[in-house]
Amino acid sequence: MTTPRPTAPAIDPDAGIPDLIRRLTDDSKRLVSDEVHLAKLELGENIHAGARGALWLSLAFGIGVVGLVALTIFVATLIGHAVRGHMWLGAIVVGVVEIVCGFVLIKKGLAAFGEPSYSLVETRDSLKDTTTWVTHPRAD
């Protein structure tokens, strides 16, 4: 998300040191303001992506709990009747299946958290560009 750097304004050879210092101060304030604005935008994007991942994870958990309770009772009873009244065997089989399904849903939620970078990559890159620009100004 880098934008082309504007060309430097022409330097007035008759400008005094106070004018140059004032220009430098104004440019520095603008630069710091732009960097803070970029950091806020990037942080907002990352928080939004993280919230979306948390929403999917909590939604999967809620629906999974309600659905699996009903399904557990039904399938455990069905398997228990199929193996001549041994309900404990039906409960074990259903429990293993539920654990596998829960693992898949948790993995999906954690993957949603892992997608965005929370280290403000664009801000760091912009700060590197700024450092380079300050230490090695171009002569136009």
Protein backbone atom coordinates (compact mmCIF):
# COMPACT_ATOMS: atom_id res chain seq x y z
CA MET A 1 0.00 0.00 0.00
CA THR A 2 2.73 2.42 -0.93
CA THR A 3 1.89 5.58 -2.74
CA PRO A 4 4.21 7.46 -5.06
CA ARG A 5 6.30 9.97 -3.16
CA PRO A 6 5.56 13.57 -4.12
CA THR A 7 8.42 15.52 -5.57
CA ALA A 8 10.24 17.83 -3.22
CA PRO A 9 9.32 21.50 -3.49
CA ALA A 10 11.86 23.80 -5.06
CA ILE A 11 14.25 25.24 -2.50
CA ASP A 12 14.38 29.01 -2.39
CA PRO A 13 18.07 30.04 -2.27
CA ASP A 14 17.10 33.23 -0.44
CA ALA A 15 15.24 31.40 2.34
CA GLY A 16 16.73 31.91 5.76
CA ILE A 17 17.48 29.31 8.35
CA PRO A 18 14.28 30.06 10.34
CA ASP A 19 12.19 29.46 7.20
CA LEU A 20 13.97 26.18 6.52
CA ILE A 21 13.52 25.06 10.13
CA ARG A 22 9.81 25.96 9.99
CA ARG A 23 9.41 23.95 6.75
CA LEU A 24 11.27 21.02 8.28
CA THR A 25 9.03 21.18 11.38
CA ASP A 26 5.87 21.30 9.28
CA ASP A 27 7.02 18.40 7.11
CA SER A 28 7.95 16.37 10.19
CA LYS A 29 4.55 16.98 11.79
CA ARG A 30 2.78 15.94 8.58
CA LEU A 31 4.95 12.83 8.28
CA VAL A 32 4.29 11.74 11.87
CA SER A 33 0.57 12.39 11.42
CA ASP A 34 0.52 10.27 8.25
CA GLU A 35 2.37 7.43 10.00
CA VAL A 36 -0.07 7.47 12.94
CA HIS A 37 -3.02 7.50 10.53
CA LEU A 38 -1.60 4.51 8.65
CA ALA A 39 -1.06 2.61 11.90
CA LYS A 40 -4.66 3.29 12.96
CA LEU A 41 -6.04 2.08 9.63
CA GLU A 42 -3.95 -1.08 9.68
CA LEU A 43 -4.83 -1.85 13.29
CA GLY A 44 -8.54 -1.37 12.52
CA GLU A 45 -8.35 -3.82 9.61
CA ASN A 46 -6.61 -6.42 11.77
CA ILE A 47 -9.11 -6.03 14.62
CA HIS A 48 -11.99 -6.45 12.17
CA ALA A 49 -10.48 -9.65 10.75
CA GLY A 50 -9.84 -11.00 14.27
CA ALA A 51 -13.41 -10.24 15.34
CA ARG A 52 -14.73 -12.05 12.29
CA GLY A 53 -12.67 -15.11 13.22
CA ALA A 54 -13.94 -14.98 16.81
CA LEU A 55 -17.51 -14.74 15.55
CA TRP A 56 -17.13 -17.83 13.38
CA LEU A 57 -15.48 -19.75 16.21
CA SER A 58 -18.19 -18.87 18.74
CA LEU A 59 -20.98 -19.53 16.25
CA ALA A 60 -19.55 -22.96 15.42
CA PHE A 61 -19.21 -23.76 19.10
CA GLY A 62 -22.78 -22.72 19.98
CA ILE A 63 -24.44 -24.54 17.13
CA GLY A 64 -22.22 -27.54 17.63
CA VAL A 65 -23.11 -27.90 21.29
CA VAL A 66 -26.87 -27.71 20.77
CA GLY A 67 -26.86 -29.99 17.74
CA LEU A 68 -24.50 -32.54 19.18
CA VAL A 69 -26.42 -32.89 22.42
CA ALA A 70 -29.53 -33.88 20.51
CA LEU A 71 -27.58 -36.03 18.09
CA THR A 72 -25.66 -37.71 20.89
CA ILE A 73 -28.80 -38.83 22.64
CA PHE A 74 -30.41 -40.07 19.42
CA VAL A 75 -27.40 -41.90 17.97
CA ALA A 76 -26.27 -43.38 21.29
CA THR A 77 -29.77 -44.76 21.82
CA LEU A 78 -29.91 -46.06 18.25
CA ILE A 79 -26.54 -47.83 18.54
CA GLY A 80 -27.45 -49.14 22.01
CA HIS A 81 -30.59 -50.77 20.64
CA ALA A 82 -28.64 -52.18 17.69
CA VAL A 83 -26.15 -53.96 19.97
CA ARG A 84 -28.77 -55.57 22.22
CA GLY A 85 -29.25 -52.83 24.80
CA HIS A 86 -25.61 -51.85 25.43
CA MET A 87 -26.13 -48.09 25.60
CA TRP A 88 -22.58 -47.49 26.85
CA LEU A 89 -21.18 -48.67 23.50
CA GLY A 90 -23.39 -46.21 21.62
CA ALA A 91 -22.25 -43.37 23.90
CA ILE A 92 -18.58 -44.16 23.28
CA VAL A 93 -18.94 -44.30 19.50
CA VAL A 94 -20.86 -41.03 19.39
CA GLY A 95 -18.40 -39.36 21.75
CA VAL A 96 -15.46 -40.19 19.49
CA VAL A 97 -17.27 -38.83 16.43
CA GLU A 98 -18.12 -35.62 18.32
CA ILE A 99 -14.52 -35.09 19.38
CA VAL A 100 -13.38 -35.35 15.76
CA CYS A 101 -16.03 -32.86 14.61
CA GLY A 102 -15.10 -30.45 17.41
CA PHE A 103 -11.43 -30.64 16.42
CA VAL A 104 -12.28 -29.73 12.81
CA LEU A 105 -14.37 -26.71 13.90
CA ILE A 106 -11.71 -25.45 16.31
CA LYS A 107 -9.08 -25.79 13.61
CA LYS A 108 -11.22 -23.70 11.23
CA GLY A 109 -11.64 -20.96 13.85
CA LEU A 110 -7.94 -20.86 14.66
CA ALA A 111 -7.13 -20.64 10.95
CA ALA A 112 -9.33 -17.55 10.72
CA PHE A 113 -7.27 -15.96 13.52
CA GLY A 114 -4.03 -16.85 11.79
CA GLU A 115 -4.79 -15.18 8.43
CA PRO A 116 -4.09 -11.51 9.16
CA SER A 117 -0.75 -10.29 10.33
CA TYR A 118 -1.05 -8.46 13.62
CA SER A 119 2.43 -6.94 13.39
CA LEU A 120 1.48 -3.84 11.34
CA VAL A 121 3.51 -4.84 8.29
CA GLU A 122 2.51 -1.86 6.15
CA THR A 123 3.33 0.60 8.93
CA ARG A 124 6.78 -0.92 9.43
CA ASP A 125 7.44 -0.81 5.68
CA SER A 126 6.35 2.81 5.53
CA LEU A 127 8.63 3.69 8.44
CA LYS A 128 11.54 2.01 6.64
CA ASP A 129 10.78 4.09 3.54
CA THR A 130 10.65 7.22 5.68
CA THR A 131 13.98 6.39 7.31
CA THR A 132 15.54 5.84 3.91
CA TRP A 133 14.07 9.09 2.62
CA VAL A 134 15.38 11.06 5.60
CA THR A 135 18.87 9.56 5.57
CA HIS A 136 19.34 9.60 1.78
CA PRO A 137 17.34 12.46 0.26
CA ARG A 138 17.07 12.51 -3.49
CA ALA A 139 18.64 15.40 -5.34
CA ASP A 140 16.08 16.59 -7.91
